[in-house]
């Protein structure tokens, strides 16, 4: 065969390949580096019914669908204060997920709204108070007893064969809603000589700035205590945290200094919640998180299919996975099980998660 004919044959076959595949687009995977790419989904326990047979059936269907796109981790919102079911929900989920080779990380949210009942009702001093004494239904994580209560909830979860612990709402409420109860103000005053009530709110005064940093330090203390509790349990499982993607804003607005947590080594996995359709911003925050962690812990950007912040498209979700890979993330998370519908799953299966 002549050289001209060989080249003609090659380019003809190449052209046919382009036509058949719709182009030469490839979808690089982190797995090519010899490591398993983490693919996580955030689930809510409310997705499953109170009846065991119905709930288990739903679990089987969802987990089977997830295996089609290589989902290997589930982070499940688990409300310990929910009215007891007729069966052990977490035990059932662990059993079914492990049969599919999927790890389960129960999510606890210490900074979220709490029900004013039971032990919390007996201890109103654990709750955040405003500057005028008004009470908010959030635990004041600057209060050692409130932190102890939250840690006891985590200890209950550690009795199960869980694959990790995840902390969501590991922060104070949005808008610098620090607590101005007497004990908290006195604890701050003991260190700095002034009560936060003595300075103008959000004034930029030195004491106000220290008050912001002091509150962030209290949340860091709780993260540190959570990590110590897991270690004390004897379980070799990771602590993952869901965080606001902009570190500097998070430190000031919600007392969430996740950069310090990473540097100190008290968290094992970072899930920055990058809920946006703006792909340029998505890339920026993935890049920032990877840079800040600097290899100290893996970064799994959390992509919202539908959230209170955005309504994504299957194409947008696919591109977000690609960007995460391009910027060095070692996996991704999807928020949430409610909105990761067949439309999104089918698109992922035919593109970035092909082959499952």
Protein backbone atom coordinates (compact mmCIF):
# COMPACT_ATOMS: atom_id res chain seq x y z
CA UNK A 1 0.00 0.00 0.00
CA UNK A 2 1.40 3.41 -0.97
CA UNK A 3 2.13 6.06 1.66
CA UNK A 4 -0.55 8.33 0.11
CA UNK A 5 -3.13 5.56 0.34
CA UNK A 6 -2.19 4.76 3.94
CA UNK A 7 -2.62 8.42 4.98
CA UNK A 8 -5.91 8.65 3.07
CA UNK A 9 -7.22 5.55 4.87
CA UNK A 10 -6.12 6.94 8.26
CA UNK A 11 -7.85 10.28 7.79
CA UNK A 12 -10.98 8.58 6.44
CA UNK A 13 -11.22 6.40 9.57
CA UNK A 14 -10.50 9.39 11.79
CA UNK A 15 -13.27 11.34 10.09
CA UNK A 16 -15.70 8.47 10.60
CA UNK A 17 -14.77 8.35 14.31
CA UNK A 18 -15.50 12.06 14.68
CA UNK A 19 -18.87 11.65 12.96
CA UNK A 20 -19.85 8.62 15.04
CA UNK A 21 -18.79 10.04 18.41
CA UNK A 22 -19.90 13.57 17.73
CA UNK A 23 -16.37 14.89 18.09
CA UNK A 24 -13.18 14.02 19.89
CA UNK A 25 -14.33 15.29 23.26
CA UNK A 26 -12.97 13.22 26.14
CA UNK A 27 -13.86 13.27 29.80
CA UNK A 28 -10.70 12.96 31.89
CA UNK A 29 -11.16 11.18 35.22
CA UNK A 30 -9.22 11.49 38.44
CA UNK A 31 -9.13 7.69 38.42
CA UNK A 32 -6.50 7.86 35.70
CA UNK A 33 -4.06 8.94 38.42
CA UNK A 34 -4.55 5.58 40.14
CA UNK A 35 -6.95 6.76 42.84
CA UNK A 36 -10.65 6.30 43.17
CA UNK A 37 -12.63 9.42 42.44
CA UNK A 38 -15.08 10.18 45.22
CA UNK A 39 -18.64 10.65 44.00
CA UNK A 40 -20.95 11.59 46.84
CA UNK A 41 -24.62 12.41 47.18
CA UNK A 42 -26.27 14.31 50.01
CA UNK A 43 -29.48 12.56 51.07
CA UNK A 44 -32.22 13.52 53.53
CA UNK A 45 -33.70 10.87 55.77
CA UNK A 46 -37.07 12.47 55.07
CA UNK A 47 -36.87 10.99 51.54
CA UNK A 48 -37.77 7.64 53.04
CA UNK A 49 -41.03 6.70 54.68
CA UNK A 50 -41.81 5.77 58.26
CA UNK A 51 -42.77 2.22 57.23
CA UNK A 52 -39.78 -0.09 56.98
CA UNK A 53 -40.90 -2.03 53.91
CA UNK A 54 -41.54 1.15 51.92
CA UNK A 55 -38.31 2.80 53.07
CA UNK A 56 -36.12 -0.21 52.30
CA UNK A 57 -37.69 -0.53 48.86
CA UNK A 58 -36.86 3.13 48.14
CA UNK A 59 -33.31 2.62 49.41
CA UNK A 60 -32.76 -0.34 47.08
CA UNK A 61 -34.05 1.58 44.05
CA UNK A 62 -32.03 4.71 44.76
CA UNK A 63 -28.82 2.87 45.57
CA UNK A 64 -29.13 0.70 42.47
CA UNK A 65 -29.55 3.82 40.33
CA UNK A 66 -26.55 5.47 41.99
CA UNK A 67 -24.26 2.53 41.21
CA UNK A 68 -24.89 3.21 37.52
CA UNK A 69 -22.82 6.38 37.80
CA UNK A 70 -20.26 5.16 40.32
CA UNK A 71 -21.62 6.89 43.43
CA UNK A 72 -19.47 5.54 46.25
CA UNK A 73 -20.33 7.78 49.21
CA UNK A 74 -23.61 8.89 50.75
CA UNK A 75 -23.86 11.75 53.19
CA UNK A 76 -27.20 11.46 54.91
CA UNK A 77 -28.93 14.16 56.93
CA UNK A 78 -30.02 12.26 60.00
CA UNK A 79 -32.31 14.02 62.45
CA UNK A 80 -31.89 12.40 65.84
CA UNK A 81 -34.79 14.40 67.25
CA UNK A 82 -37.26 13.15 64.64
CA UNK A 83 -40.16 11.09 65.94
CA UNK A 84 -38.86 7.49 66.21
CA UNK A 85 -39.69 5.20 63.30
CA UNK A 86 -40.85 1.62 63.68
CA UNK A 87 -37.39 0.56 62.53
CA UNK A 88 -33.78 1.74 62.82
CA UNK A 89 -33.34 3.97 59.76
CA UNK A 90 -29.57 4.34 59.96
CA UNK A 91 -29.02 0.63 60.47
CA UNK A 92 -31.15 -0.14 57.41
CA UNK A 93 -29.35 2.43 55.24
CA UNK A 94 -25.94 1.16 56.30
CA UNK A 95 -26.88 -2.42 55.49
CA UNK A 96 -28.26 -1.65 52.04
CA UNK A 97 -25.53 0.83 51.07
CA UNK A 98 -22.72 -1.49 52.14
CA UNK A 99 -24.20 -4.25 49.96
CA UNK A 100 -23.64 -1.87 47.03
CA UNK A 101 -20.13 -0.96 48.16
CA UNK A 102 -21.26 2.55 49.09
CA UNK A 103 -19.95 4.26 52.22
CA UNK A 104 -22.30 6.12 54.56
CA UNK A 105 -21.44 9.32 56.46
CA UNK A 106 -24.29 10.54 58.69
CA UNK A 107 -24.62 14.32 58.71
CA UNK A 108 -25.09 16.23 61.94
CA UNK A 109 -25.80 19.95 61.96
CA UNK A 110 -24.95 21.46 65.35
CA UNK A 111 -25.47 25.04 64.22
CA UNK A 112 -28.90 24.48 62.68
CA UNK A 113 -32.19 25.37 64.34
CA UNK A 114 -33.08 23.08 67.21
CA UNK A 115 -36.41 21.99 68.61
CA UNK A 116 -37.14 23.61 71.95
CA UNK A 117 -37.98 20.37 73.65
CA UNK A 118 -36.43 17.68 75.81
CA UNK A 119 -33.01 18.46 77.22
CA UNK A 120 -32.71 21.69 75.25
CA UNK A 121 -35.97 23.00 76.70
CA UNK A 122 -34.52 22.38 80.16
CA UNK A 123 -31.41 24.41 79.31
CA UNK A 124 -32.37 27.68 77.60
CA UNK A 125 -28.92 29.01 78.58
CA UNK A 126 -27.52 26.84 75.75
CA UNK A 127 -29.24 28.97 73.13
CA UNK A 128 -27.98 32.06 71.32
CA UNK A 129 -29.18 35.36 72.74
CA UNK A 130 -29.23 38.67 70.92
CA UNK A 131 -27.99 42.01 72.24
CA UNK A 132 -31.37 42.70 73.83
CA UNK A 133 -31.71 39.26 75.37
CA UNK A 134 -33.89 37.79 72.63
CA UNK A 135 -33.51 34.02 72.25
CA UNK A 136 -32.75 32.28 68.94
CA UNK A 137 -33.40 28.58 68.45
CA UNK A 138 -29.77 27.77 67.71
CA UNK A 139 -27.22 26.19 70.00
CA UNK A 140 -24.57 28.62 71.19
CA UNK A 141 -21.44 26.66 70.30
CA UNK A 142 -19.39 29.10 72.37
CA UNK A 143 -21.06 27.53 75.42
CA UNK A 144 -19.11 24.45 76.63
CA UNK A 145 -22.28 22.72 77.87
CA UNK A 146 -24.04 23.27 74.54
CA UNK A 147 -21.02 21.82 72.76
CA UNK A 148 -21.10 18.84 75.12
CA UNK A 149 -24.74 18.24 74.21
CA UNK A 150 -23.87 18.28 70.50
CA UNK A 151 -20.95 15.91 71.08
CA UNK A 152 -23.24 13.47 72.84
CA UNK A 153 -25.39 13.34 69.70
CA UNK A 154 -22.30 12.46 67.67
CA UNK A 155 -21.36 9.76 70.18
CA UNK A 156 -24.72 8.07 69.55
CA UNK A 157 -23.93 7.87 65.83
CA UNK A 158 -20.50 6.40 66.51
CA UNK A 159 -22.19 3.32 67.98
CA UNK A 160 -23.09 2.36 64.40
CA UNK A 161 -20.81 0.92 61.71
CA UNK A 162 -20.54 4.28 59.96
CA UNK A 163 -17.84 5.11 57.41
CA UNK A 164 -17.39 8.71 58.55
CA UNK A 165 -18.97 11.66 60.30
CA UNK A 166 -20.05 14.73 58.39
CA UNK A 167 -20.71 18.13 59.95
CA UNK A 168 -23.03 20.55 58.20
CA UNK A 169 -24.01 23.91 59.73
CA UNK A 170 -20.72 23.79 61.58
CA UNK A 171 -21.01 27.50 62.22
CA UNK A 172 -23.05 30.27 63.78
CA UNK A 173 -26.15 31.61 61.99
CA UNK A 174 -25.66 33.93 59.03
CA UNK A 175 -25.22 37.62 59.80
CA UNK A 176 -22.79 37.54 62.73
CA UNK A 177 -25.46 36.23 65.04
CA UNK A 178 -23.06 35.75 67.92
CA UNK A 179 -24.46 35.10 71.41
CA UNK A 180 -24.62 37.95 73.93
CA UNK A 181 -25.70 35.88 76.92
CA UNK A 182 -24.04 36.69 80.23
CA UNK A 183 -21.74 33.65 80.36
CA UNK A 184 -20.44 34.17 76.83
CA UNK A 185 -19.87 37.89 77.32
CA UNK A 186 -18.06 37.24 80.59
CA UNK A 187 -15.84 34.59 79.00
CA UNK A 188 -14.81 37.09 76.32
CA UNK A 189 -14.35 39.88 78.88
CA UNK A 190 -12.05 37.68 80.94
CA UNK A 191 -9.67 37.51 77.97
CA UNK A 192 -9.97 41.03 76.56
CA UNK A 193 -11.11 43.21 79.46
CA UNK A 194 -14.29 44.36 77.75
CA UNK A 195 -17.66 42.84 77.05
CA UNK A 196 -18.79 42.74 73.41
CA UNK A 197 -21.82 44.68 74.65
CA UNK A 198 -19.48 47.56 75.46
CA UNK A 199 -18.65 48.21 71.80
CA UNK A 200 -20.81 49.25 68.88
CA UNK A 201 -21.95 46.28 66.82
CA UNK A 202 -20.05 45.92 63.53
CA UNK A 203 -18.11 49.08 64.27
CA UNK A 204 -14.64 48.05 63.16
CA UNK A 205 -13.27 48.73 66.65
CA UNK A 206 -10.35 46.56 67.74
CA UNK A 207 -12.45 44.82 70.39
CA UNK A 208 -15.18 44.15 67.85
CA UNK A 209 -12.62 42.58 65.51
CA UNK A 210 -11.36 40.42 68.36
CA UNK A 211 -14.95 39.41 69.13
CA UNK A 212 -15.33 38.14 65.56
CA UNK A 213 -12.12 36.12 65.81
CA UNK A 214 -13.00 34.85 69.28
CA UNK A 215 -16.28 33.40 68.05
CA UNK A 216 -14.52 31.66 65.17
CA UNK A 217 -12.13 30.17 67.72
CA UNK A 218 -15.09 28.69 69.63
CA UNK A 219 -16.32 26.89 66.50
CA UNK A 220 -12.78 25.65 65.90
CA UNK A 221 -12.77 24.31 69.46
CA UNK A 222 -15.91 22.33 68.70
CA UNK A 223 -14.38 20.87 65.52
CA UNK A 224 -11.30 19.94 67.54
CA UNK A 225 -13.49 18.26 70.17
CA UNK A 226 -15.39 16.34 67.47
CA UNK A 227 -12.16 15.03 65.98
CA UNK A 228 -10.96 13.99 69.45
CA UNK A 229 -14.25 12.18 70.11
CA UNK A 230 -13.93 10.17 66.89
CA UNK A 231 -10.35 9.25 67.76
CA UNK A 232 -11.38 8.24 71.29
CA UNK A 233 -14.06 5.93 69.86
CA UNK A 234 -11.33 3.84 68.25
CA UNK A 235 -12.89 4.18 64.82
CA UNK A 236 -10.54 5.01 61.98
CA UNK A 237 -13.05 7.11 60.05
CA UNK A 238 -12.85 10.60 58.51
CA UNK A 239 -14.45 13.81 59.70
CA UNK A 240 -15.79 15.81 56.76
CA UNK A 241 -17.21 19.32 56.87
CA UNK A 242 -19.55 21.28 54.60
CA UNK A 243 -18.34 24.87 54.34
CA UNK A 244 -19.07 28.19 52.71
CA UNK A 245 -16.67 28.41 49.76
CA UNK A 246 -15.30 31.90 50.47
CA UNK A 247 -13.00 31.48 53.47
CA UNK A 248 -12.56 35.15 54.37
CA UNK A 249 -16.29 35.86 54.33
CA UNK A 250 -17.01 32.68 56.28
CA UNK A 251 -14.64 33.67 59.08
CA UNK A 252 -16.34 37.03 59.55
CA UNK A 253 -20.00 36.24 58.81
CA UNK A 254 -20.49 32.81 60.38
CA UNK A 255 -17.35 32.19 62.50
CA UNK A 256 -16.25 29.38 60.17
CA UNK A 257 -12.46 29.39 59.84
CA UNK A 258 -12.14 26.20 57.82
CA UNK A 259 -8.67 27.15 56.61
CA UNK A 260 -7.43 26.80 60.20
CA UNK A 261 -9.18 23.46 60.55
CA UNK A 262 -7.33 22.15 57.52
CA UNK A 263 -3.96 23.53 58.63
CA UNK A 264 -4.41 22.08 62.11
CA UNK A 265 -5.37 18.70 60.68
CA UNK A 266 -8.67 18.40 62.56
CA UNK A 267 -10.75 17.78 59.42
CA UNK A 268 -10.13 15.06 56.87
CA UNK A 269 -12.38 16.06 53.97
CA UNK A 270 -13.64 19.42 52.75
CA UNK A 271 -16.95 19.85 50.93
CA UNK A 272 -17.15 23.50 49.78
CA UNK A 273 -20.79 24.22 48.94
CA UNK A 274 -20.48 25.94 45.56
CA UNK A 275 -24.12 26.34 44.65
CA UNK A 276 -24.04 28.44 41.49
CA UNK A 277 -24.72 28.24 37.77
CA UNK A 278 -21.88 30.69 37.10
CA UNK A 279 -19.13 28.38 35.91
CA UNK A 280 -16.44 31.04 36.18
CA UNK A 281 -17.27 31.52 39.85
CA UNK A 282 -17.50 27.78 40.33
CA UNK A 283 -13.97 27.40 38.94
CA UNK A 284 -12.67 30.24 41.12
CA UNK A 285 -13.94 28.68 44.35
CA UNK A 286 -12.71 25.19 43.46
CA UNK A 287 -9.30 26.64 42.66
CA UNK A 288 -9.27 28.61 45.94
CA UNK A 289 -10.18 25.56 48.03
CA UNK A 290 -7.55 23.38 46.39
CA UNK A 291 -4.95 26.11 46.90
CA UNK A 292 -5.84 26.71 50.56
CA UNK A 293 -5.88 23.02 51.48
CA UNK A 294 -2.57 22.54 49.65
CA UNK A 295 -2.83 18.77 49.71
CA UNK A 296 -3.51 18.57 53.46
CA UNK A 297 -6.97 17.12 52.86
CA UNK A 298 -9.02 16.27 49.77
CA UNK A 299 -11.48 18.76 48.33
CA UNK A 300 -14.82 17.53 46.99
CA UNK A 301 -16.73 20.50 45.53
CA UNK A 302 -20.46 20.16 46.15
CA UNK A 303 -22.52 20.80 43.02
CA UNK A 304 -26.15 21.76 43.41
CA UNK A 305 -28.63 20.27 40.97
CA UNK A 306 -31.32 22.38 42.60
CA UNK A 307 -30.86 24.37 45.79
CA UNK A 308 -32.23 27.48 47.44
CA UNK A 309 -29.46 29.37 45.61
CA UNK A 310 -29.71 28.01 42.08
CA UNK A 311 -31.46 25.72 39.64
CA UNK A 312 -28.89 23.93 37.53
CA UNK A 313 -29.07 22.06 34.22
CA UNK A 314 -27.65 18.62 33.41
CA UNK A 315 -25.11 20.32 31.13
CA UNK A 316 -24.12 22.70 33.91
CA UNK A 317 -23.64 19.85 36.37
CA UNK A 318 -21.50 17.92 33.88
CA UNK A 319 -19.33 20.97 33.24
CA UNK A 320 -18.94 21.50 37.00
CA UNK A 321 -17.59 17.94 37.32
CA UNK A 322 -15.13 18.64 34.52
CA UNK A 323 -13.96 21.88 36.14
CA UNK A 324 -13.51 20.13 39.48
CA UNK A 325 -11.22 17.61 37.82
CA UNK A 326 -9.33 20.27 35.89
CA UNK A 327 -8.62 22.22 39.08
CA UNK A 328 -7.30 19.24 41.02
CA UNK A 329 -10.27 18.21 43.17
CA UNK A 330 -10.27 14.52 44.04
CA UNK A 331 -14.01 14.05 43.81
CA UNK A 332 -17.37 15.79 43.85
CA UNK A 333 -20.56 15.86 45.86
CA UNK A 334 -24.10 16.38 44.59
CA UNK A 335 -26.80 18.28 46.44
CA UNK A 336 -29.14 16.65 46.85
CA UNK A 337 -30.84 13.30 46.52
CA UNK A 338 -34.14 15.08 46.04
CA UNK A 339 -32.92 16.87 42.92
CA UNK A 340 -30.45 14.34 41.47
CA UNK A 341 -33.16 13.07 39.18
CA UNK A 342 -32.99 10.66 36.25
CA UNK A 343 -32.41 13.61 33.92
CA UNK A 344 -29.16 14.48 35.70
CA UNK A 345 -28.11 10.85 36.25
CA UNK A 346 -28.59 9.93 32.58
CA UNK A 347 -26.51 12.93 31.46
CA UNK A 348 -23.71 12.09 33.89
CA UNK A 349 -23.81 8.44 32.85
CA UNK A 350 -23.36 9.31 29.16
CA UNK A 351 -20.58 11.84 29.68
CA UNK A 352 -18.28 12.33 32.69
CA UNK A 353 -19.31 9.09 34.45
CA UNK A 354 -19.39 6.91 31.37
CA UNK A 355 -18.62 3.23 31.84
CA UNK A 356 -20.68 2.54 34.99
